[in-house]
Amino acid sequence: MLQKVQAIFRDILGDDTLVIGPEFSMHKNPEWDSVAMVQVALALESAYGIQFTIEELTAIRSVADILNVLKNHGC
């Protein structure tokens, strides 16, 4: 799952060498801004065939949060 999320981040942030882990966060990576978050969310929804709730989206601050939400959706 992490590899697929990493591929999405690489595409959206335009960095083919980007390596992410659960600790990768919005706070530590300013390129992951609100616009990138919308793009990440849409790409994740498309890739996994799910739809995030507003509550889930507003709670995401790190890749660990994304992985937890995906697991909650049965991905």
Protein backbone atom coordinates (compact mmCIF):
# COMPACT_ATOMS: atom_id res chain seq x y z
CA MET A 1 0.00 0.00 0.00
CA LEU A 2 2.82 2.40 0.86
CA GLN A 3 4.36 1.95 -2.60
CA LYS A 4 1.11 2.96 -4.30
CA VAL A 5 0.76 6.01 -2.03
CA GLN A 6 4.39 6.91 -2.73
CA ALA A 7 3.77 6.71 -6.49
CA ILE A 8 0.83 9.09 -6.10
CA PHE A 9 2.93 11.55 -4.11
CA ARG A 10 5.76 11.34 -6.64
CA ASP A 11 3.37 12.14 -9.45
CA ILE A 12 1.58 15.00 -7.70
CA LEU A 13 4.66 16.60 -6.17
CA GLY A 14 6.65 16.11 -9.39
CA ASP A 15 9.56 14.28 -7.77
CA ASP A 16 10.36 10.83 -9.19
CA THR A 17 12.98 10.25 -6.47
CA LEU A 18 10.71 11.06 -3.51
CA VAL A 19 10.78 8.42 -0.79
CA ILE A 20 8.03 8.61 1.79
CA GLY A 21 7.23 6.73 4.96
CA PRO A 22 4.53 6.96 7.59
CA GLU A 23 6.31 9.95 9.16
CA PHE A 24 6.08 12.04 5.95
CA SER A 25 3.81 14.91 6.96
CA MET A 26 2.33 18.19 5.76
CA HIS A 27 4.06 19.98 8.63
CA LYS A 28 7.57 18.88 7.58
CA ASN A 29 7.02 19.08 3.82
CA PRO A 30 5.66 22.45 2.66
CA GLU A 31 5.25 21.19 -0.91
CA TRP A 32 2.38 19.07 0.45
CA ASP A 33 0.00 22.00 0.65
CA SER A 34 -3.79 22.19 0.49
CA VAL A 35 -3.85 22.00 -3.30
CA ALA A 36 -1.60 18.93 -3.28
CA MET A 37 -3.82 17.40 -0.58
CA VAL A 38 -6.88 17.69 -2.81
CA GLN A 39 -4.95 16.10 -5.67
CA VAL A 40 -3.66 13.30 -3.41
CA ALA A 41 -7.16 12.62 -2.08
CA LEU A 42 -8.66 12.44 -5.58
CA ALA A 43 -5.87 10.16 -6.79
CA LEU A 44 -6.27 7.87 -3.77
CA GLU A 45 -10.03 7.70 -4.22
CA SER A 46 -9.55 6.76 -7.86
CA ALA A 47 -6.77 4.24 -7.18
CA TYR A 48 -8.64 2.47 -4.38
CA GLY A 49 -12.25 2.95 -5.49
CA ILE A 50 -13.24 4.69 -2.26
CA GLN A 51 -14.61 8.05 -1.19
CA PHE A 52 -13.23 9.94 1.79
CA THR A 53 -15.49 11.72 4.22
CA ILE A 54 -14.84 15.35 5.11
CA GLU A 55 -13.86 14.22 8.60
CA GLU A 56 -11.28 11.81 7.21
CA LEU A 57 -9.80 14.43 4.91
CA THR A 58 -9.49 17.08 7.59
CA ALA A 59 -7.79 14.59 9.93
CA ILE A 60 -5.03 13.69 7.44
CA ARG A 61 -1.73 15.30 8.33
CA SER A 62 0.72 12.50 7.48
CA VAL A 63 1.17 9.40 5.38
CA ALA A 64 0.46 7.37 8.53
CA ASP A 65 -2.97 9.03 8.66
CA ILE A 66 -3.56 8.15 5.00
CA LEU A 67 -2.60 4.52 5.59
CA ASN A 68 -4.95 4.30 8.58
CA VAL A 69 -7.86 5.77 6.61
CA LEU A 70 -7.19 3.37 3.73
CA LYS A 71 -7.14 0.44 6.16
CA ASN A 72 -10.45 1.62 7.63
CA HIS A 73 -11.88 1.47 4.11
CA GLY A 74 -10.67 -2.12 3.78
CA CYS A 75 -7.88 -1.37 1.35
